[in-house]
Amino acid sequence: MTQYPFMKAPEPEENVDVGDLVEVYCDHEKNGTRVRGWLKGIVVQLDAKLVAVQFRTNVYLTDGWMVPDHILWFPQKSAHIRRPQKRPARAALPHNNH
């Protein structure tokens, strides 16, 4: 097989399945305030073109309407869906032995 030079290896195409945990970039509530950012949800339905993700908190459409069933639909290849990112572990606080 012929080798081609590249700056960065291409990332394998990832597909999601029903039941997968994902993060979605959307408008949602956090501590009682509406924010835009990454929110964890679960894939509840998919077809050839769309992915449905359900959340445990209120989510909003871009025009401001709250989604009553907490489900947002996205294209399969949306840049607004990703696998959950690992959060850096919090550093342990030093113990005072007094």
N, C-alpha and C. Protein backbone atom coordinates (compact mmCIF):
# COMPACT_ATOMS: atom_id res chain seq x y z
N MET A 1 0.85 -1.17 0.00
CA MET A 1 0.00 0.00 0.00
C MET A 1 0.89 1.24 0.00
N THR A 2 0.56 2.20 -0.80
CA THR A 2 1.33 3.43 -0.91
C THR A 2 1.14 4.30 0.32
N GLN A 3 2.22 4.83 0.85
CA GLN A 3 2.16 5.72 2.00
C GLN A 3 2.08 7.16 1.53
N TYR A 4 1.21 7.94 2.14
CA TYR A 4 1.07 9.34 1.82
C TYR A 4 1.45 10.17 3.04
N PRO A 5 2.27 11.18 2.87
CA PRO A 5 2.62 12.01 4.03
C PRO A 5 1.45 12.90 4.43
N PHE A 6 1.32 13.12 5.72
CA PHE A 6 0.29 14.02 6.21
C PHE A 6 0.76 14.61 7.52
N MET A 7 0.21 15.76 7.87
CA MET A 7 0.60 16.45 9.10
C MET A 7 0.01 15.77 10.32
N LYS A 8 -1.22 15.32 10.21
CA LYS A 8 -1.91 14.70 11.33
C LYS A 8 -2.68 13.52 10.79
N ALA A 9 -2.62 12.42 11.48
CA ALA A 9 -3.35 11.22 11.04
C ALA A 9 -4.84 11.51 11.02
N PRO A 10 -5.53 11.05 9.99
CA PRO A 10 -6.97 11.27 9.96
C PRO A 10 -7.65 10.50 11.09
N GLU A 11 -8.63 11.12 11.70
CA GLU A 11 -9.34 10.46 12.79
C GLU A 11 -10.37 9.52 12.20
N PRO A 12 -10.50 8.33 12.78
CA PRO A 12 -11.49 7.39 12.26
C PRO A 12 -12.90 7.95 12.45
N GLU A 13 -13.75 7.64 11.51
CA GLU A 13 -15.12 8.11 11.58
C GLU A 13 -15.83 7.39 12.71
N GLU A 14 -16.43 8.14 13.61
CA GLU A 14 -17.12 7.54 14.74
C GLU A 14 -18.62 7.65 14.55
N ASN A 15 -19.29 6.54 14.71
CA ASN A 15 -20.74 6.53 14.66
C ASN A 15 -21.26 6.32 16.07
N VAL A 16 -22.44 6.82 16.33
CA VAL A 16 -23.07 6.62 17.63
C VAL A 16 -24.20 5.63 17.49
N ASP A 17 -24.55 5.00 18.60
CA ASP A 17 -25.65 4.05 18.65
C ASP A 17 -26.60 4.46 19.75
N VAL A 18 -27.82 3.96 19.70
CA VAL A 18 -28.79 4.22 20.75
C VAL A 18 -28.21 3.73 22.07
N GLY A 19 -28.30 4.58 23.09
CA GLY A 19 -27.77 4.25 24.40
C GLY A 19 -26.40 4.83 24.67
N ASP A 20 -25.73 5.37 23.65
CA ASP A 20 -24.40 5.97 23.84
C ASP A 20 -24.51 7.30 24.57
N LEU A 21 -23.56 7.54 25.45
CA LEU A 21 -23.44 8.83 26.11
C LEU A 21 -22.64 9.75 25.20
N VAL A 22 -23.16 10.95 24.97
CA VAL A 22 -22.49 11.94 24.11
C VAL A 22 -22.54 13.30 24.79
N GLU A 23 -21.78 14.24 24.26
CA GLU A 23 -21.87 15.64 24.67
C GLU A 23 -22.34 16.44 23.47
N VAL A 24 -23.21 17.39 23.73
CA VAL A 24 -23.80 18.21 22.67
C VAL A 24 -23.59 19.68 23.02
N TYR A 25 -23.21 20.48 22.04
CA TYR A 25 -23.06 21.92 22.23
C TYR A 25 -24.41 22.56 21.99
N CYS A 26 -25.02 23.05 23.08
CA CYS A 26 -26.38 23.58 22.96
C CYS A 26 -26.66 24.59 24.07
N ASP A 27 -27.81 25.25 23.97
CA ASP A 27 -28.30 26.13 25.03
C ASP A 27 -29.01 25.26 26.06
N HIS A 28 -28.65 25.43 27.34
CA HIS A 28 -29.25 24.62 28.40
C HIS A 28 -29.18 25.38 29.73
N GLU A 29 -29.79 24.81 30.75
CA GLU A 29 -29.76 25.41 32.07
C GLU A 29 -28.66 24.79 32.90
N LYS A 30 -27.93 25.65 33.61
CA LYS A 30 -26.89 25.20 34.55
C LYS A 30 -27.00 26.09 35.78
N ASN A 31 -27.27 25.47 36.91
CA ASN A 31 -27.45 26.20 38.17
C ASN A 31 -28.51 27.29 38.05
N GLY A 32 -29.60 27.00 37.33
CA GLY A 32 -30.70 27.94 37.20
C GLY A 32 -30.49 29.05 36.18
N THR A 33 -29.36 29.04 35.48
CA THR A 33 -29.05 30.06 34.49
C THR A 33 -28.94 29.42 33.12
N ARG A 34 -29.42 30.13 32.12
CA ARG A 34 -29.30 29.62 30.75
C ARG A 34 -27.90 29.91 30.21
N VAL A 35 -27.25 28.85 29.72
CA VAL A 35 -25.89 28.97 29.19
C VAL A 35 -25.80 28.22 27.87
N ARG A 36 -24.74 28.50 27.12
CA ARG A 36 -24.45 27.75 25.90
C ARG A 36 -23.12 27.05 26.12
N GLY A 37 -23.12 25.74 25.94
CA GLY A 37 -21.91 24.96 26.16
C GLY A 37 -22.17 23.49 25.93
N TRP A 38 -21.20 22.67 26.33
CA TRP A 38 -21.29 21.22 26.14
C TRP A 38 -22.09 20.61 27.29
N LEU A 39 -23.05 19.74 26.92
CA LEU A 39 -23.94 19.11 27.89
C LEU A 39 -24.03 17.62 27.58
N LYS A 40 -23.91 16.79 28.62
CA LYS A 40 -24.01 15.34 28.42
C LYS A 40 -25.46 14.92 28.22
N GLY A 41 -25.65 14.00 27.29
CA GLY A 41 -26.96 13.44 27.03
C GLY A 41 -26.79 12.01 26.54
N ILE A 42 -27.91 11.37 26.24
CA ILE A 42 -27.89 10.00 25.76
C ILE A 42 -28.62 9.90 24.43
N VAL A 43 -28.05 9.15 23.51
CA VAL A 43 -28.67 8.96 22.19
C VAL A 43 -29.90 8.07 22.38
N VAL A 44 -31.08 8.57 21.99
CA VAL A 44 -32.32 7.81 22.17
C VAL A 44 -32.92 7.32 20.86
N GLN A 45 -32.51 7.92 19.75
CA GLN A 45 -33.02 7.48 18.45
C GLN A 45 -32.08 7.97 17.37
N LEU A 46 -31.97 7.19 16.30
CA LEU A 46 -31.21 7.64 15.14
C LEU A 46 -31.75 7.00 13.89
N ASP A 47 -31.49 7.68 12.79
CA ASP A 47 -31.84 7.15 11.48
C ASP A 47 -30.66 7.43 10.55
N ALA A 48 -30.87 7.32 9.26
CA ALA A 48 -29.77 7.48 8.30
C ALA A 48 -29.17 8.89 8.32
N LYS A 49 -29.95 9.90 8.73
CA LYS A 49 -29.46 11.27 8.68
C LYS A 49 -29.43 12.00 10.02
N LEU A 50 -30.24 11.59 10.98
CA LEU A 50 -30.39 12.35 12.21
C LEU A 50 -30.11 11.53 13.47
N VAL A 51 -29.70 12.25 14.53
CA VAL A 51 -29.46 11.65 15.85
C VAL A 51 -30.31 12.43 16.85
N ALA A 52 -31.06 11.72 17.69
CA ALA A 52 -31.83 12.35 18.76
C ALA A 52 -31.12 12.12 20.08
N VAL A 53 -30.89 13.21 20.81
CA VAL A 53 -30.20 13.15 22.10
C VAL A 53 -31.13 13.71 23.17
N GLN A 54 -31.29 12.95 24.26
CA GLN A 54 -32.15 13.39 25.36
C GLN A 54 -31.29 13.78 26.56
N PHE A 55 -31.76 14.81 27.27
CA PHE A 55 -31.02 15.38 28.39
C PHE A 55 -31.87 15.33 29.65
N ARG A 56 -31.21 15.49 30.81
CA ARG A 56 -31.91 15.50 32.10
C ARG A 56 -32.23 16.92 32.57
N THR A 57 -31.81 17.90 31.82
CA THR A 57 -32.05 19.29 32.17
C THR A 57 -32.77 19.98 31.01
N ASN A 58 -33.26 21.18 31.25
CA ASN A 58 -33.93 21.92 30.19
C ASN A 58 -32.94 22.32 29.11
N VAL A 59 -33.34 22.13 27.85
CA VAL A 59 -32.56 22.56 26.70
C VAL A 59 -33.42 23.48 25.86
N TYR A 60 -32.75 24.32 25.05
CA TYR A 60 -33.45 25.35 24.30
C TYR A 60 -33.06 25.32 22.83
N LEU A 61 -34.01 25.70 21.98
CA LEU A 61 -33.71 25.90 20.57
C LEU A 61 -32.96 27.22 20.43
N THR A 62 -32.29 27.42 19.32
CA THR A 62 -31.50 28.64 19.15
C THR A 62 -32.38 29.89 19.13
N ASP A 63 -33.66 29.75 18.82
CA ASP A 63 -34.54 30.92 18.83
C ASP A 63 -35.14 31.20 20.20
N GLY A 64 -34.72 30.41 21.22
CA GLY A 64 -35.12 30.71 22.59
C GLY A 64 -36.18 29.81 23.20
N TRP A 65 -36.85 29.00 22.41
CA TRP A 65 -37.91 28.16 22.96
C TRP A 65 -37.35 26.97 23.71
N MET A 66 -37.92 26.70 24.90
CA MET A 66 -37.52 25.52 25.66
C MET A 66 -38.11 24.28 24.98
N VAL A 67 -37.35 23.19 24.97
CA VAL A 67 -37.81 21.94 24.36
C VAL A 67 -38.46 21.10 25.45
N PRO A 68 -39.79 20.88 25.39
CA PRO A 68 -40.49 20.22 26.50
C PRO A 68 -40.08 18.77 26.78
N ASP A 69 -39.69 18.03 25.77
CA ASP A 69 -39.32 16.62 26.00
C ASP A 69 -37.82 16.42 26.23
N HIS A 70 -37.06 17.53 26.27
CA HIS A 70 -35.61 17.51 26.52
C HIS A 70 -34.84 16.75 25.45
N ILE A 71 -35.39 16.66 24.25
CA ILE A 71 -34.72 15.96 23.14
C ILE A 71 -34.38 16.94 22.03
N LEU A 72 -33.12 16.92 21.61
CA LEU A 72 -32.68 17.72 20.46
C LEU A 72 -32.25 16.78 19.35
N TRP A 73 -32.53 17.17 18.11
CA TRP A 73 -32.14 16.39 16.93
C TRP A 73 -30.99 17.07 16.22
N PHE A 74 -30.03 16.29 15.77
CA PHE A 74 -28.85 16.80 15.08
C PHE A 74 -28.56 15.94 13.85
N PRO A 75 -27.92 16.52 12.83
CA PRO A 75 -27.44 15.70 11.71
C PRO A 75 -26.40 14.70 12.21
N GLN A 76 -26.33 13.53 11.57
CA GLN A 76 -25.38 12.48 11.97
C GLN A 76 -23.96 13.01 12.10
N LYS A 77 -23.52 13.84 11.19
CA LYS A 77 -22.13 14.32 11.15
C LYS A 77 -21.97 15.72 11.74
N SER A 78 -22.83 16.08 12.68
CA SER A 78 -22.80 17.42 13.26
C SER A 78 -21.52 17.66 14.06
N ALA A 79 -20.98 18.86 13.94
CA ALA A 79 -19.83 19.27 14.74
C ALA A 79 -20.24 19.56 16.18
N HIS A 80 -21.55 19.56 16.46
CA HIS A 80 -22.06 19.87 17.80
C HIS A 80 -22.28 18.62 18.64
N ILE A 81 -21.87 17.46 18.15
CA ILE A 81 -21.95 16.21 18.91
C ILE A 81 -20.56 15.62 19.00
N ARG A 82 -20.20 15.16 20.20
CA ARG A 82 -18.89 14.52 20.37
C ARG A 82 -19.00 13.47 21.49
N ARG A 83 -18.01 12.61 21.53
CA ARG A 83 -17.90 11.66 22.64
C ARG A 83 -17.56 12.47 23.89
N PRO A 84 -17.99 12.01 25.06
CA PRO A 84 -17.67 12.76 26.28
C PRO A 84 -16.17 12.94 26.46
N GLN A 85 -15.78 14.15 26.82
CA GLN A 85 -14.38 14.47 27.05
C GLN A 85 -14.03 14.13 28.49
N LYS A 86 -12.84 13.59 28.67
CA LYS A 86 -12.40 13.28 30.02
C LYS A 86 -11.98 14.58 30.69
N ARG A 87 -12.48 14.77 31.88
CA ARG A 87 -12.14 15.96 32.65
C ARG A 87 -10.87 15.68 33.43
N PRO A 88 -9.98 16.68 33.54
CA PRO A 88 -8.78 16.47 34.34
C PRO A 88 -9.17 16.26 35.81
N ALA A 89 -8.49 15.33 36.45
CA ALA A 89 -8.77 15.05 37.86
C ALA A 89 -8.37 16.26 38.70
N ARG A 90 -9.15 16.52 39.71
CA ARG A 90 -8.82 17.63 40.60
C ARG A 90 -7.66 17.22 41.48
N ALA A 91 -6.74 18.12 41.65
CA ALA A 91 -5.58 17.84 42.50
C ALA A 91 -6.03 17.71 43.94
N ALA A 92 -5.51 16.73 44.64
CA ALA A 92 -5.85 16.54 46.05
C ALA A 92 -5.26 17.66 46.87
N LEU A 93 -6.02 18.15 47.83
CA LEU A 93 -5.54 19.21 48.70
C LEU A 93 -4.58 18.59 49.72
N PRO A 94 -3.49 19.27 50.04
CA PRO A 94 -2.57 18.73 51.04
C PRO A 94 -3.24 18.70 52.41
N HIS A 95 -2.92 17.68 53.18
CA HIS A 95 -3.49 17.54 54.52
C HIS A 95 -2.59 18.25 55.52
N ASN A 96 -3.20 18.96 56.43
CA ASN A 96 -2.45 19.60 57.51
C ASN A 96 -2.46 18.66 58.71
N ASN A 97 -1.34 18.20 59.12
CA ASN A 97 -1.25 17.29 60.25
C ASN A 97 -0.91 18.06 61.52
N HIS A 98 -1.81 18.90 61.97
CA HIS A 98 -1.59 19.70 63.17
C HIS A 98 -2.33 19.09 64.32
